[in-house]
């Protein structure tokens, strides 16, 4: 991977290592650039600094216009993509707790409905 971003070599190598660990290849990414909005002056108005990144296997799309330069936004978009993919793979105990409580509530409702039907017979 020869693509280098305008950050320190340590950050470049760290991002590359994280992308390799998560199985993200640059060939799986579709990248496009647009004009950013907001602060940044003439540079933002004239140059396409905002990055739109799409990871084809997962369908995750990232839009990044945090920085005034395209290179930094490209770096940040990839870093955000890595974070999202890591969070997808992590188990979320809160989500699991919510699902369990919904199942229990559904079971109680069904049980209550069955008891009411028996009472009517």
N, C-alpha and C. Protein backbone atom coordinates (compact mmCIF):
# COMPACT_ATOMS: atom_id res chain seq x y z
N UNK A 1 0.85 -1.18 0.00
CA UNK A 1 0.00 0.00 0.00
C UNK A 1 0.89 1.24 0.00
N UNK A 2 0.91 1.92 -1.11
CA UNK A 2 1.83 3.03 -1.27
C UNK A 2 1.21 4.38 -0.93
N UNK A 3 -0.10 4.41 -0.67
CA UNK A 3 -0.77 5.67 -0.38
C UNK A 3 -0.31 6.21 0.96
N UNK A 4 0.22 7.43 0.97
CA UNK A 4 0.68 8.07 2.19
C UNK A 4 -0.17 9.31 2.45
N UNK A 5 -0.47 9.55 3.69
CA UNK A 5 -1.27 10.71 4.08
C UNK A 5 -0.36 11.74 4.75
N UNK A 6 -0.77 13.01 4.75
CA UNK A 6 0.08 14.06 5.32
C UNK A 6 0.03 14.09 6.86
N UNK A 7 0.35 12.96 7.46
CA UNK A 7 0.44 12.84 8.91
C UNK A 7 1.78 12.19 9.22
N UNK A 8 2.07 12.04 10.48
CA UNK A 8 3.36 11.46 10.87
C UNK A 8 3.47 10.01 10.37
N UNK A 9 4.70 9.53 10.16
CA UNK A 9 4.88 8.14 9.73
C UNK A 9 4.28 7.13 10.71
N UNK A 10 4.30 7.47 12.00
CA UNK A 10 3.72 6.58 13.00
C UNK A 10 2.22 6.43 12.80
N UNK A 11 1.53 7.56 12.54
CA UNK A 11 0.09 7.52 12.32
C UNK A 11 -0.23 6.78 11.03
N UNK A 12 0.58 7.00 9.98
CA UNK A 12 0.39 6.28 8.73
C UNK A 12 0.50 4.78 8.94
N UNK A 13 1.55 4.36 9.62
CA UNK A 13 1.75 2.92 9.81
C UNK A 13 0.70 2.33 10.75
N UNK A 14 0.27 3.10 11.74
CA UNK A 14 -0.77 2.64 12.66
C UNK A 14 -2.09 2.42 11.92
N UNK A 15 -2.45 3.38 11.05
CA UNK A 15 -3.68 3.25 10.27
C UNK A 15 -3.59 2.05 9.34
N UNK A 16 -2.46 1.89 8.68
CA UNK A 16 -2.28 0.76 7.75
C UNK A 16 -2.39 -0.57 8.49
N UNK A 17 -1.79 -0.64 9.68
CA UNK A 17 -1.85 -1.88 10.46
C UNK A 17 -3.29 -2.19 10.88
N UNK A 18 -4.03 -1.15 11.28
CA UNK A 18 -5.42 -1.34 11.70
C UNK A 18 -6.27 -1.78 10.50
N UNK A 19 -6.03 -1.19 9.33
CA UNK A 19 -6.78 -1.57 8.14
C UNK A 19 -6.49 -3.01 7.75
N UNK A 20 -5.24 -3.42 7.85
CA UNK A 20 -4.88 -4.81 7.53
C UNK A 20 -5.51 -5.78 8.51
N UNK A 21 -5.51 -5.41 9.80
CA UNK A 21 -6.08 -6.27 10.83
C UNK A 21 -7.59 -6.47 10.61
N UNK A 22 -8.26 -5.41 10.15
CA UNK A 22 -9.70 -5.48 9.91
C UNK A 22 -10.04 -6.02 8.52
N UNK A 23 -9.02 -6.22 7.69
CA UNK A 23 -9.24 -6.77 6.36
C UNK A 23 -9.76 -5.75 5.37
N UNK A 24 -9.38 -4.49 5.52
CA UNK A 24 -9.82 -3.44 4.61
C UNK A 24 -8.73 -3.22 3.57
N UNK A 25 -9.08 -3.38 2.31
CA UNK A 25 -8.16 -3.11 1.21
C UNK A 25 -8.57 -1.83 0.51
N UNK A 26 -7.60 -1.09 0.00
CA UNK A 26 -7.94 0.14 -0.73
C UNK A 26 -8.75 -0.16 -1.98
N UNK A 27 -8.62 -1.37 -2.52
CA UNK A 27 -9.39 -1.74 -3.71
C UNK A 27 -10.88 -1.90 -3.39
N UNK A 28 -11.23 -2.08 -2.12
CA UNK A 28 -12.63 -2.23 -1.70
C UNK A 28 -13.27 -0.89 -1.37
N UNK A 29 -12.51 0.20 -1.48
CA UNK A 29 -13.01 1.52 -1.12
C UNK A 29 -13.31 2.33 -2.37
N UNK A 30 -14.45 2.99 -2.37
CA UNK A 30 -14.80 3.94 -3.43
C UNK A 30 -14.72 5.32 -2.80
N UNK A 31 -13.88 6.15 -3.39
CA UNK A 31 -13.61 7.46 -2.79
C UNK A 31 -13.98 8.55 -3.79
N UNK A 32 -14.72 9.55 -3.30
CA UNK A 32 -15.03 10.70 -4.15
C UNK A 32 -14.85 11.95 -3.31
N UNK A 33 -14.73 13.07 -4.01
CA UNK A 33 -14.42 14.34 -3.35
C UNK A 33 -15.44 15.40 -3.76
N UNK A 34 -15.80 16.24 -2.79
CA UNK A 34 -16.75 17.32 -3.04
C UNK A 34 -16.27 18.57 -2.34
N UNK A 35 -16.93 19.67 -2.67
CA UNK A 35 -16.64 20.92 -1.97
C UNK A 35 -17.19 20.82 -0.55
N UNK A 36 -16.41 21.27 0.41
CA UNK A 36 -16.86 21.27 1.80
C UNK A 36 -17.69 22.53 2.04
N UNK A 37 -18.38 22.54 3.15
CA UNK A 37 -19.15 23.72 3.53
C UNK A 37 -18.65 24.21 4.88
N UNK A 38 -18.87 25.47 5.15
CA UNK A 38 -18.52 26.00 6.46
C UNK A 38 -17.19 26.74 6.46
N UNK A 39 -16.56 26.74 7.62
CA UNK A 39 -15.33 27.51 7.80
C UNK A 39 -14.19 26.91 6.99
N UNK A 40 -13.27 27.74 6.61
CA UNK A 40 -12.11 27.29 5.85
C UNK A 40 -11.72 28.29 4.79
N UNK A 41 -12.56 29.27 4.58
CA UNK A 41 -12.20 30.34 3.66
C UNK A 41 -12.21 29.93 2.21
N UNK A 42 -11.37 30.61 1.45
CA UNK A 42 -11.33 30.42 0.01
C UNK A 42 -10.93 29.00 -0.37
N UNK A 43 -10.06 28.38 0.41
CA UNK A 43 -9.63 27.02 0.11
C UNK A 43 -10.80 26.06 0.07
N UNK A 44 -11.68 26.14 1.04
CA UNK A 44 -12.83 25.24 1.11
C UNK A 44 -13.79 25.51 -0.05
N UNK A 45 -13.91 26.76 -0.47
CA UNK A 45 -14.84 27.10 -1.54
C UNK A 45 -14.32 26.70 -2.92
N UNK A 46 -13.02 26.66 -3.09
CA UNK A 46 -12.45 26.40 -4.40
C UNK A 46 -12.00 24.96 -4.62
N UNK A 47 -11.56 24.30 -3.56
CA UNK A 47 -10.96 22.97 -3.69
C UNK A 47 -11.91 21.92 -3.12
N UNK A 48 -11.94 20.76 -3.76
CA UNK A 48 -12.78 19.66 -3.26
C UNK A 48 -12.06 18.96 -2.12
N UNK A 49 -12.30 19.44 -0.91
CA UNK A 49 -11.60 18.90 0.25
C UNK A 49 -12.40 17.85 1.01
N UNK A 50 -13.72 17.85 0.87
CA UNK A 50 -14.54 16.88 1.58
C UNK A 50 -14.41 15.51 0.91
N UNK A 51 -14.36 14.47 1.73
CA UNK A 51 -14.15 13.11 1.24
C UNK A 51 -15.40 12.28 1.53
N UNK A 52 -15.84 11.55 0.52
CA UNK A 52 -16.93 10.60 0.67
C UNK A 52 -16.34 9.23 0.38
N UNK A 53 -16.33 8.37 1.40
CA UNK A 53 -15.68 7.07 1.32
C UNK A 53 -16.73 5.98 1.53
N UNK A 54 -16.75 4.99 0.63
CA UNK A 54 -17.69 3.88 0.77
C UNK A 54 -16.91 2.57 0.78
N UNK A 55 -17.19 1.74 1.81
CA UNK A 55 -16.58 0.42 1.92
C UNK A 55 -17.55 -0.56 1.29
N UNK A 56 -17.18 -1.13 0.13
CA UNK A 56 -18.10 -1.96 -0.64
C UNK A 56 -18.57 -3.22 0.10
N UNK A 57 -17.69 -4.00 0.76
CA UNK A 57 -18.18 -5.23 1.41
C UNK A 57 -19.21 -4.98 2.52
N UNK A 58 -19.02 -3.92 3.30
CA UNK A 58 -19.95 -3.67 4.41
C UNK A 58 -21.04 -2.67 4.06
N UNK A 59 -20.83 -1.86 3.04
CA UNK A 59 -21.80 -0.85 2.67
C UNK A 59 -21.73 0.40 3.53
N UNK A 60 -20.74 0.49 4.40
CA UNK A 60 -20.60 1.66 5.27
C UNK A 60 -20.10 2.85 4.46
N UNK A 61 -20.74 4.00 4.65
CA UNK A 61 -20.34 5.23 3.97
C UNK A 61 -19.90 6.25 5.00
N UNK A 62 -18.79 6.91 4.71
CA UNK A 62 -18.23 7.93 5.59
C UNK A 62 -18.12 9.23 4.80
N UNK A 63 -18.59 10.31 5.40
CA UNK A 63 -18.41 11.64 4.81
C UNK A 63 -17.58 12.44 5.79
N UNK A 64 -16.47 12.97 5.33
CA UNK A 64 -15.57 13.67 6.24
C UNK A 64 -15.13 15.00 5.64
N UNK A 65 -15.37 16.07 6.37
CA UNK A 65 -14.88 17.40 5.98
C UNK A 65 -14.41 18.14 7.22
N UNK A 66 -13.75 17.40 8.10
CA UNK A 66 -13.30 17.96 9.37
C UNK A 66 -12.16 18.96 9.17
N UNK A 67 -11.25 18.62 8.27
CA UNK A 67 -10.06 19.43 8.06
C UNK A 67 -10.16 20.24 6.78
N UNK A 68 -9.26 21.20 6.62
CA UNK A 68 -9.26 22.06 5.45
C UNK A 68 -8.53 21.44 4.27
N UNK A 69 -7.82 20.33 4.49
CA UNK A 69 -7.08 19.71 3.40
C UNK A 69 -7.66 18.35 3.07
N UNK A 70 -7.59 18.02 1.80
CA UNK A 70 -8.13 16.76 1.32
C UNK A 70 -7.37 15.57 1.90
N UNK A 71 -6.05 15.69 2.02
CA UNK A 71 -5.23 14.59 2.53
C UNK A 71 -5.60 14.20 3.95
N UNK A 72 -5.78 15.21 4.81
CA UNK A 72 -6.15 14.92 6.19
C UNK A 72 -7.56 14.33 6.28
N UNK A 73 -8.46 14.82 5.44
CA UNK A 73 -9.81 14.26 5.43
C UNK A 73 -9.82 12.82 4.94
N UNK A 74 -8.96 12.50 3.99
CA UNK A 74 -8.86 11.12 3.52
C UNK A 74 -8.37 10.21 4.65
N UNK A 75 -7.38 10.69 5.39
CA UNK A 75 -6.85 9.93 6.54
C UNK A 75 -7.95 9.73 7.58
N UNK A 76 -8.63 10.82 7.93
CA UNK A 76 -9.66 10.77 8.96
C UNK A 76 -10.83 9.87 8.55
N UNK A 77 -11.22 9.90 7.28
CA UNK A 77 -12.32 9.06 6.82
C UNK A 77 -11.97 7.59 6.98
N UNK A 78 -10.73 7.23 6.68
CA UNK A 78 -10.31 5.83 6.85
C UNK A 78 -10.26 5.45 8.33
N UNK A 79 -9.81 6.37 9.16
CA UNK A 79 -9.77 6.10 10.60
C UNK A 79 -11.19 5.89 11.15
N UNK A 80 -12.14 6.71 10.70
CA UNK A 80 -13.53 6.56 11.14
C UNK A 80 -14.10 5.24 10.66
N UNK A 81 -13.78 4.85 9.42
CA UNK A 81 -14.23 3.57 8.89
C UNK A 81 -13.73 2.42 9.75
N UNK A 82 -12.46 2.48 10.15
CA UNK A 82 -11.90 1.43 11.01
C UNK A 82 -12.64 1.36 12.34
N UNK A 83 -12.93 2.53 12.93
CA UNK A 83 -13.65 2.56 14.21
C UNK A 83 -15.04 1.93 14.06
N UNK A 84 -15.74 2.27 12.99
CA UNK A 84 -17.09 1.73 12.80
C UNK A 84 -17.07 0.22 12.60
N UNK A 85 -16.09 -0.26 11.84
CA UNK A 85 -16.00 -1.71 11.64
C UNK A 85 -15.63 -2.43 12.94
N UNK A 86 -14.78 -1.80 13.75
CA UNK A 86 -14.45 -2.40 15.05
C UNK A 86 -15.68 -2.45 15.94
N UNK A 87 -16.48 -1.38 15.94
CA UNK A 87 -17.68 -1.34 16.77
C UNK A 87 -18.73 -2.33 16.29
N UNK A 88 -18.76 -2.61 14.98
CA UNK A 88 -19.70 -3.61 14.46
C UNK A 88 -19.37 -4.99 14.98
N UNK A 89 -18.07 -5.27 15.13
CA UNK A 89 -17.63 -6.60 15.55
C UNK A 89 -17.69 -6.79 17.07
N UNK A 90 -17.75 -5.69 17.82
CA UNK A 90 -17.79 -5.81 19.27
C UNK A 90 -19.20 -6.16 19.74
N UNK A 91 -19.30 -7.04 20.72
CA UNK A 91 -20.63 -7.29 21.28
C UNK A 91 -21.07 -6.08 22.11
N UNK A 92 -22.32 -5.72 21.99
CA UNK A 92 -22.85 -4.58 22.71
C UNK A 92 -23.79 -5.08 23.81
N UNK A 93 -23.32 -5.07 25.07
CA UNK A 93 -24.15 -5.60 26.15
C UNK A 93 -25.46 -4.83 26.34
N UNK A 94 -25.45 -3.53 26.08
CA UNK A 94 -26.68 -2.75 26.23
C UNK A 94 -27.71 -3.19 25.20
N UNK A 95 -27.28 -3.37 23.95
CA UNK A 95 -28.19 -3.81 22.90
C UNK A 95 -28.76 -5.18 23.24
N UNK A 96 -27.91 -6.08 23.73
CA UNK A 96 -28.38 -7.42 24.09
C UNK A 96 -29.38 -7.37 25.24
N UNK A 97 -29.15 -6.48 26.22
CA UNK A 97 -30.06 -6.34 27.34
C UNK A 97 -31.42 -5.83 26.87
N UNK A 98 -31.42 -4.88 25.93
CA UNK A 98 -32.67 -4.35 25.40
C UNK A 98 -33.44 -5.44 24.66
N UNK A 99 -32.72 -6.22 23.87
CA UNK A 99 -33.38 -7.31 23.13
C UNK A 99 -33.99 -8.32 24.09
N UNK A 100 -33.25 -8.68 25.15
CA UNK A 100 -33.77 -9.64 26.13
C UNK A 100 -35.02 -9.10 26.81
N UNK A 101 -35.01 -7.81 27.17
CA UNK A 101 -36.18 -7.23 27.84
C UNK A 101 -37.38 -7.20 26.90
N UNK A 102 -37.17 -6.94 25.60
CA UNK A 102 -38.28 -6.96 24.65
C UNK A 102 -38.86 -8.37 24.50
N UNK A 103 -37.99 -9.36 24.48
CA UNK A 103 -38.45 -10.74 24.36
C UNK A 103 -39.27 -11.12 25.59
N UNK A 104 -38.78 -10.76 26.78
CA UNK A 104 -39.51 -11.07 28.01
C UNK A 104 -40.87 -10.38 28.03
N UNK A 105 -40.91 -9.13 27.58
CA UNK A 105 -42.17 -8.39 27.55
C UNK A 105 -43.15 -9.06 26.59
N UNK A 106 -42.65 -9.49 25.44
CA UNK A 106 -43.49 -10.17 24.45
C UNK A 106 -44.03 -11.47 25.03
N UNK A 107 -43.18 -12.19 25.75
CA UNK A 107 -43.61 -13.45 26.35
C UNK A 107 -44.69 -13.21 27.41
N UNK A 108 -44.51 -12.18 28.24
CA UNK A 108 -45.52 -11.85 29.25
C UNK A 108 -46.85 -11.49 28.60
N UNK A 109 -46.78 -10.71 27.52
CA UNK A 109 -48.00 -10.29 26.82
C UNK A 109 -48.72 -11.50 26.24
N UNK A 110 -47.96 -12.41 25.63
CA UNK A 110 -48.59 -13.62 25.07
C UNK A 110 -49.21 -14.47 26.17
N UNK A 111 -48.47 -14.61 27.27
CA UNK A 111 -48.97 -15.42 28.39
C UNK A 111 -50.25 -14.81 28.94
N UNK A 112 -50.25 -13.48 29.08
CA UNK A 112 -51.42 -12.79 29.60
C UNK A 112 -52.60 -12.95 28.64
N UNK A 113 -52.35 -12.88 27.34
CA UNK A 113 -53.39 -13.07 26.34
C UNK A 113 -53.98 -14.48 26.39
N UNK A 114 -53.12 -15.49 26.58
CA UNK A 114 -53.60 -16.86 26.68
C UNK A 114 -54.46 -17.05 27.92
N UNK A 115 -54.05 -16.43 29.04
CA UNK A 115 -54.81 -16.55 30.28
C UNK A 115 -56.18 -15.89 30.11
N UNK A 116 -56.25 -14.76 29.42
CA UNK A 116 -57.53 -14.08 29.19
C UNK A 116 -58.45 -14.92 28.32
N UNK A 117 -57.86 -15.61 27.32
CA UNK A 117 -58.67 -16.47 26.46
C UNK A 117 -59.27 -17.62 27.26
N UNK A 118 -58.49 -18.20 28.19
CA UNK A 118 -58.99 -19.29 29.02
C UNK A 118 -60.11 -18.81 29.93
N UNK A 119 -59.99 -17.60 30.42
CA UNK A 119 -61.02 -17.05 31.29
C UNK A 119 -62.32 -16.84 30.54
N UNK A 120 -62.23 -16.51 29.25
CA UNK A 120 -63.44 -16.26 28.46
C UNK A 120 -64.16 -17.56 28.10
N UNK A 121 -63.45 -18.68 28.08
CA UNK A 121 -64.05 -19.96 27.71
C UNK A 121 -64.90 -20.52 28.79
